[in-house]
Every structure is written in structure tokens, then in C-alpha cells.
Amino acid sequence: MSRYTMRWLACAAAVALLFLQGCASVKSADARDPWESMNRSIYNFNDAVDTVAIKPVTQAYVNVVPSFVRTGLHNVVSNLGDVWSMANSALQLKGQHAAESFMRVAVNTVFGLGGVLDIATEMRIERHKEDFGQTLGYWGVKPGPYVVLPILGPSTLRDGLTFPVDYQGDITHRLSDQATRNSLTAVRIVDVRANLLKTVDTVKEASLDPYSFVRDAYLQKRENDVYDGNPPSSFDYSDIDTQ
């Protein structure tokens, strides 16, 4: 996927979210999901795209590429992601997390063959995954309504609007060679999907309503991400303005 395509998707997502914020709410059983009807339609679209294109490619990747190669590629994209995590940890004034992310990048880049080997994890240097949505959440910005983005999947109003920032902050997109950028982006997409192959199938088979399961799991995970695994006992969505 080219840089221009990704920029177009980012802008389209931002414009769509701003438009949705001004739309009238749709009645929903869940206060966090006032646009449930629309979200379900997009969820079904994404599921169809996944079934027809993304899942078959991922299965071929898992079946053809040796596990040690897949692990190396996973380590490379994770190492690149640690750079943006380090920046967001610093923005959240989490000095220890930022220092540990810096150490991970330094160790894996120098001693791990550019990130192919995850030496930092073997040294028990913890990974802290952070993004700009978490940074805004840390400083008190509410998540807003749940929204499903085309292709990109589950999100919230806050996280969806920060996607362009996360995209620009990703060091992968700063690489000068376009072929390398595109290859790493493709590897990242397939790698994420590969790690969810069994999980997605299990959810579809075991859940009476996969949409609700995914929504609830995503919102819980994001709340845990913002509060580093220690969220408040209750989270109030009653003050979300969806009008």
C-alpha cells in the first residue's frame, strides 16, 4: 500500500469521523456505541474483505514462510514500532517506559541484527506499546463513541482521529526507499492478522454476536492500555456528546 493511499485513507477516516460526530445518534442498547447500526454494516464489510483477501493471504504466508523467518520479520516491525512508543511514553512523562523503549531499540538494532533478533526481551527489558490515542487518553481526552473504520477496524472517535498522527509518527514511513516502506507495511498487516488467525475463528464460532464481543474486547483493551493495566473501577460514558 503506497504512502499516498495510506494518506488518503487517513484523511477519509478523519473526515468521516468529523461528519459522524455531527450526525444524530442512533438508538443503541450500549451507550458507548450510538452508531451501532452503521458500525455493524462496516464490520460486515470488513469481515467480507478479510474473508476474501486478507485471511487467504495470511494463511498462505503462515503455510509457506518458515516460522523462524516470520519471527524475524515480526521482531523487525516491532522494533520499529518501539521508536514511536518511546516518543509517546515521553509525551506522557513516563520516564522509565521511555528509557526502556530506548534501550530496546538500541539493543535490538545493534546486537539483534537490525531488530531481527529480540535480544531486549531475553534481557527482560519490558516492551511498552504506546500510541497517540493513548497519549491523549493519558491527558484526559475521552475516547468518545465506538466506531468501526473501513478496513482499519475497531476504534473510537479519539483513536480514529489520531490515526494520521500515528501514521506519520511511524518510523517505517520515514524510510527513503518506497519498496522497503511498502514491504514493511505489508509485513506488519499480515503479521498482525497471522497472530489473530485462531482467535478470530474462535470468536466467530463461539460467540453468539461476534460484533459485540469484538467491541467490548476492544474498548476494554484500550481502557487498559491508557491506564497501563490499572483502569479506574468504573468508566463514565454518560458525558459523551453524540449529538
Protein backbone atom coordinates (compact mmCIF):
# COMPACT_ATOMS: atom_id res chain seq x y z
CA MET A 1 0.00 0.00 0.00
CA SER A 2 1.54 3.29 -1.09
CA ARG A 3 2.10 6.35 1.07
CA TYR A 4 -0.49 8.27 -0.93
CA THR A 5 -3.08 5.53 -0.46
CA MET A 6 -2.46 5.49 3.27
CA ARG A 7 -2.69 9.27 3.45
CA TRP A 8 -5.96 9.16 1.55
CA LEU A 9 -7.34 6.54 3.93
CA ALA A 10 -6.21 8.57 6.94
CA CYS A 11 -7.83 11.75 5.64
CA ALA A 12 -11.00 9.89 4.67
CA ALA A 13 -11.25 8.35 8.12
CA ALA A 14 -10.76 11.73 9.80
CA VAL A 15 -13.36 13.44 7.61
CA ALA A 16 -15.82 10.60 8.12
CA LEU A 17 -15.39 10.73 11.88
CA LEU A 18 -15.90 14.50 11.97
CA PHE A 19 -19.03 14.07 9.89
CA LEU A 20 -20.32 11.33 12.15
CA GLN A 21 -19.79 13.45 15.22
CA GLY A 22 -22.30 15.92 13.83
CA CYS A 23 -24.85 13.29 12.88
CA ALA A 24 -27.82 12.39 15.04
CA SER A 25 -27.30 9.42 17.32
CA VAL A 26 -28.83 6.06 16.52
CA LYS A 27 -30.57 4.34 19.41
CA SER A 28 -28.39 1.57 20.79
CA ALA A 29 -28.52 -0.75 23.76
CA ASP A 30 -24.94 0.29 24.58
CA ALA A 31 -24.28 3.95 25.38
CA ARG A 32 -20.71 3.56 24.10
CA ASP A 33 -21.95 2.63 20.63
CA PRO A 34 -24.54 5.18 19.46
CA TRP A 35 -23.73 4.45 15.79
CA GLU A 36 -24.21 0.70 16.16
CA SER A 37 -26.26 0.23 13.00
CA MET A 38 -23.63 1.90 10.83
CA ASN A 39 -20.80 0.19 12.70
CA ARG A 40 -22.32 -3.24 12.13
CA SER A 41 -22.54 -2.56 8.41
CA ILE A 42 -18.88 -1.56 8.26
CA TYR A 43 -17.96 -4.56 10.45
CA ASN A 44 -19.70 -6.87 7.96
CA PHE A 45 -17.89 -5.17 5.07
CA ASN A 46 -14.52 -5.58 6.81
CA ASP A 47 -15.30 -9.21 7.57
CA ALA A 48 -16.09 -9.84 3.90
CA VAL A 49 -12.82 -8.20 2.79
CA ASP A 50 -10.92 -10.25 5.36
CA THR A 51 -12.57 -13.49 4.24
CA VAL A 52 -11.95 -12.87 0.56
CA ALA A 53 -8.49 -11.26 0.61
CA ILE A 54 -6.64 -10.74 3.88
CA LYS A 55 -7.19 -14.11 5.55
CA PRO A 56 -6.21 -16.22 2.48
CA VAL A 57 -3.01 -14.20 2.02
CA THR A 58 -2.20 -14.58 5.70
CA GLN A 59 -2.81 -18.32 5.66
CA ALA A 60 -0.52 -18.66 2.64
CA TYR A 61 2.11 -16.60 4.48
CA VAL A 62 1.91 -18.87 7.54
CA ASN A 63 1.98 -22.05 5.46
CA VAL A 64 4.83 -21.04 3.14
CA VAL A 65 7.15 -18.85 5.20
CA PRO A 66 9.18 -20.76 7.85
CA SER A 67 8.36 -19.87 11.45
CA PHE A 68 11.86 -18.53 12.20
CA VAL A 69 11.56 -16.14 9.26
CA ARG A 70 8.13 -14.98 10.42
CA THR A 71 9.53 -14.43 13.90
CA GLY A 72 12.39 -12.35 12.50
CA LEU A 73 10.01 -10.20 10.45
CA HIS A 74 7.75 -9.75 13.48
CA ASN A 75 10.74 -8.64 15.53
CA VAL A 76 11.80 -6.11 12.88
CA VAL A 77 8.40 -4.36 12.66
CA SER A 78 8.04 -4.48 16.46
CA ASN A 79 11.46 -2.88 16.88
CA LEU A 80 10.46 -0.06 14.53
CA GLY A 81 7.21 0.36 16.47
CA ASP A 82 9.16 0.78 19.71
CA VAL A 83 10.50 4.11 18.42
CA TRP A 84 7.00 5.65 18.30
CA SER A 85 6.16 4.03 21.64
CA MET A 86 9.22 5.72 23.12
CA ALA A 87 8.05 9.10 21.82
CA ASN A 88 4.55 8.66 23.26
CA SER A 89 5.92 7.46 26.60
CA ALA A 90 7.93 10.69 26.74
CA LEU A 91 4.82 12.75 25.89
CA GLN A 92 3.08 11.03 28.79
CA LEU A 93 6.02 11.87 31.09
CA LYS A 94 6.67 8.17 31.67
CA GLY A 95 10.42 8.41 32.02
CA GLN A 96 11.08 4.77 32.84
CA HIS A 97 8.93 3.50 29.99
CA ALA A 98 10.61 5.85 27.53
CA ALA A 99 14.06 4.77 28.75
CA GLU A 100 13.17 1.09 28.45
CA SER A 101 11.81 1.60 24.92
CA PHE A 102 15.03 3.42 24.00
CA MET A 103 17.08 0.56 25.41
CA ARG A 104 15.02 -1.97 23.49
CA VAL A 105 15.59 -0.17 20.20
CA ALA A 106 19.29 0.32 20.88
CA VAL A 107 19.93 -3.27 21.97
CA ASN A 108 17.87 -4.93 19.25
CA THR A 109 19.21 -2.69 16.50
CA VAL A 110 22.88 -3.04 17.44
CA PHE A 111 23.03 -6.58 18.77
CA GLY A 112 19.91 -8.06 17.19
CA LEU A 113 20.91 -7.63 13.54
CA GLY A 114 18.75 -4.57 13.00
CA GLY A 115 15.89 -5.96 15.06
CA VAL A 116 15.69 -9.45 13.56
CA LEU A 117 16.58 -10.89 16.97
CA ASP A 118 14.71 -9.72 20.06
CA ILE A 119 17.68 -9.60 22.41
CA ALA A 120 15.96 -6.99 24.62
CA THR A 121 13.19 -9.37 25.63
CA GLU A 122 15.76 -12.02 26.52
CA MET A 123 17.39 -9.36 28.70
CA ARG A 124 13.96 -8.77 30.29
CA ILE A 125 13.67 -5.19 29.07
CA GLU A 126 9.92 -4.69 29.01
CA ARG A 127 8.07 -3.53 25.90
CA HIS A 128 5.59 -0.68 26.39
CA LYS A 129 3.30 -0.23 23.38
CA GLU A 130 2.06 3.34 23.22
CA ASP A 131 0.32 5.41 20.56
CA PHE A 132 -1.02 8.94 20.29
CA GLY A 133 -4.55 7.89 21.20
CA GLN A 134 -3.20 6.57 24.50
CA THR A 135 -1.28 9.80 24.97
CA LEU A 136 -4.45 11.87 24.59
CA GLY A 137 -6.24 9.47 26.92
CA TYR A 138 -3.48 9.88 29.48
CA TRP A 139 -4.05 13.65 29.45
CA GLY A 140 -7.77 13.25 29.98
CA VAL A 141 -9.25 13.16 26.46
CA LYS A 142 -12.32 10.91 26.50
CA PRO A 143 -12.45 8.04 23.98
CA GLY A 144 -15.76 9.18 22.53
CA PRO A 145 -18.18 6.83 20.81
CA TYR A 146 -17.09 3.46 19.47
CA VAL A 147 -16.65 3.42 15.71
CA VAL A 148 -15.65 0.79 13.18
CA LEU A 149 -13.41 2.16 10.43
CA PRO A 150 -13.40 0.68 6.92
CA ILE A 151 -10.50 -1.79 6.62
CA LEU A 152 -8.83 -0.40 9.76
CA GLY A 153 -11.39 -1.98 12.08
CA PRO A 154 -12.41 -1.20 15.70
CA SER A 155 -11.66 2.26 17.04
CA THR A 156 -13.12 5.17 18.96
CA LEU A 157 -13.65 8.76 17.88
CA ARG A 158 -10.47 9.81 19.70
CA ASP A 159 -8.32 6.96 18.39
CA GLY A 160 -9.68 7.26 14.85
CA LEU A 161 -8.82 10.94 14.67
CA THR A 162 -5.28 10.24 15.89
CA PHE A 163 -4.62 7.66 13.18
CA PRO A 164 -2.95 10.20 10.83
CA VAL A 165 -0.61 11.24 13.67
CA ASP A 166 0.31 7.63 14.43
CA TYR A 167 0.85 7.02 10.73
CA GLN A 168 3.22 9.95 10.37
CA GLY A 169 4.98 9.07 13.62
CA ASP A 170 5.69 5.51 12.50
CA ILE A 171 9.37 5.41 11.54
CA THR A 172 8.55 2.90 8.80
CA HIS A 173 7.04 5.69 6.75
CA ARG A 174 10.18 7.80 7.13
CA LEU A 175 12.32 5.33 5.20
CA SER A 176 13.53 6.76 1.90
CA ASP A 177 13.06 3.64 -0.21
CA GLN A 178 9.42 3.22 -1.25
CA ALA A 179 9.73 -0.52 -1.90
CA THR A 180 11.06 -1.05 1.62
CA ARG A 181 8.27 1.07 3.12
CA ASN A 182 5.59 -0.84 1.24
CA SER A 183 7.12 -4.21 2.10
CA LEU A 184 7.31 -3.41 5.81
CA THR A 185 3.72 -2.12 5.79
CA ALA A 186 2.53 -5.32 4.11
CA VAL A 187 4.52 -7.45 6.57
CA ARG A 188 3.00 -5.59 9.51
CA ILE A 189 -0.57 -6.12 8.25
CA VAL A 190 -0.02 -9.82 7.59
CA ASP A 191 1.87 -10.28 10.86
CA VAL A 192 -0.98 -8.78 12.89
CA ARG A 193 -3.54 -10.93 11.09
CA ALA A 194 -1.38 -14.05 11.47
CA ASN A 195 -1.35 -13.60 15.24
CA LEU A 196 -5.16 -13.44 15.20
CA LEU A 197 -5.91 -16.38 12.90
CA LYS A 198 -7.07 -18.77 15.63
CA THR A 199 -8.56 -16.01 17.79
CA VAL A 200 -10.83 -14.64 15.06
CA ASP A 201 -12.07 -18.11 14.10
CA THR A 202 -12.75 -18.96 17.75
CA VAL A 203 -14.71 -15.72 18.29
CA LYS A 204 -16.86 -16.37 15.22
CA GLU A 205 -17.58 -19.95 16.26
CA ALA A 206 -18.11 -19.43 20.00
CA SER A 207 -19.78 -16.02 20.20
CA LEU A 208 -23.48 -15.52 19.57
CA ASP A 209 -22.72 -11.95 18.45
CA PRO A 210 -19.09 -11.55 17.24
CA TYR A 211 -19.63 -7.81 16.68
CA SER A 212 -20.49 -7.16 20.34
CA PHE A 213 -17.66 -9.41 21.51
CA VAL A 214 -15.10 -7.53 19.41
CA ARG A 215 -16.46 -4.15 20.50
CA ASP A 216 -16.39 -4.99 24.21
CA ALA A 217 -12.94 -6.58 23.99
CA TYR A 218 -11.53 -3.61 22.09
CA LEU A 219 -12.92 -0.98 24.46
CA GLN A 220 -11.70 -2.91 27.49
CA LYS A 221 -8.24 -3.31 25.97
CA ARG A 222 -7.96 0.37 25.09
CA GLU A 223 -9.01 1.38 28.59
CA ASN A 224 -6.34 -0.93 29.99
CA ASP A 225 -3.80 0.47 27.54
CA VAL A 226 -4.44 4.07 28.62
CA TYR A 227 -4.19 3.22 32.32
CA ASP A 228 -1.30 0.74 31.93
CA GLY A 229 -3.41 -2.19 33.07
CA ASN A 230 -4.84 -0.39 36.10
CA PRO A 231 -8.03 1.35 34.94
CA PRO A 232 -10.46 3.03 37.37
CA SER A 233 -13.16 0.79 38.83
CA SER A 234 -15.76 2.35 36.55
CA PHE A 235 -15.60 4.45 33.41
CA ASP A 236 -18.33 7.01 32.83
CA TYR A 237 -19.58 7.31 29.25
CA SER A 238 -22.60 9.36 30.26
CA ASP A 239 -20.94 12.66 29.38
CA ILE A 240 -20.13 11.68 25.80
CA ASP A 241 -21.78 14.11 23.41
CA THR A 242 -23.02 12.23 20.35
CA GLN A 243 -25.46 14.83 19.13
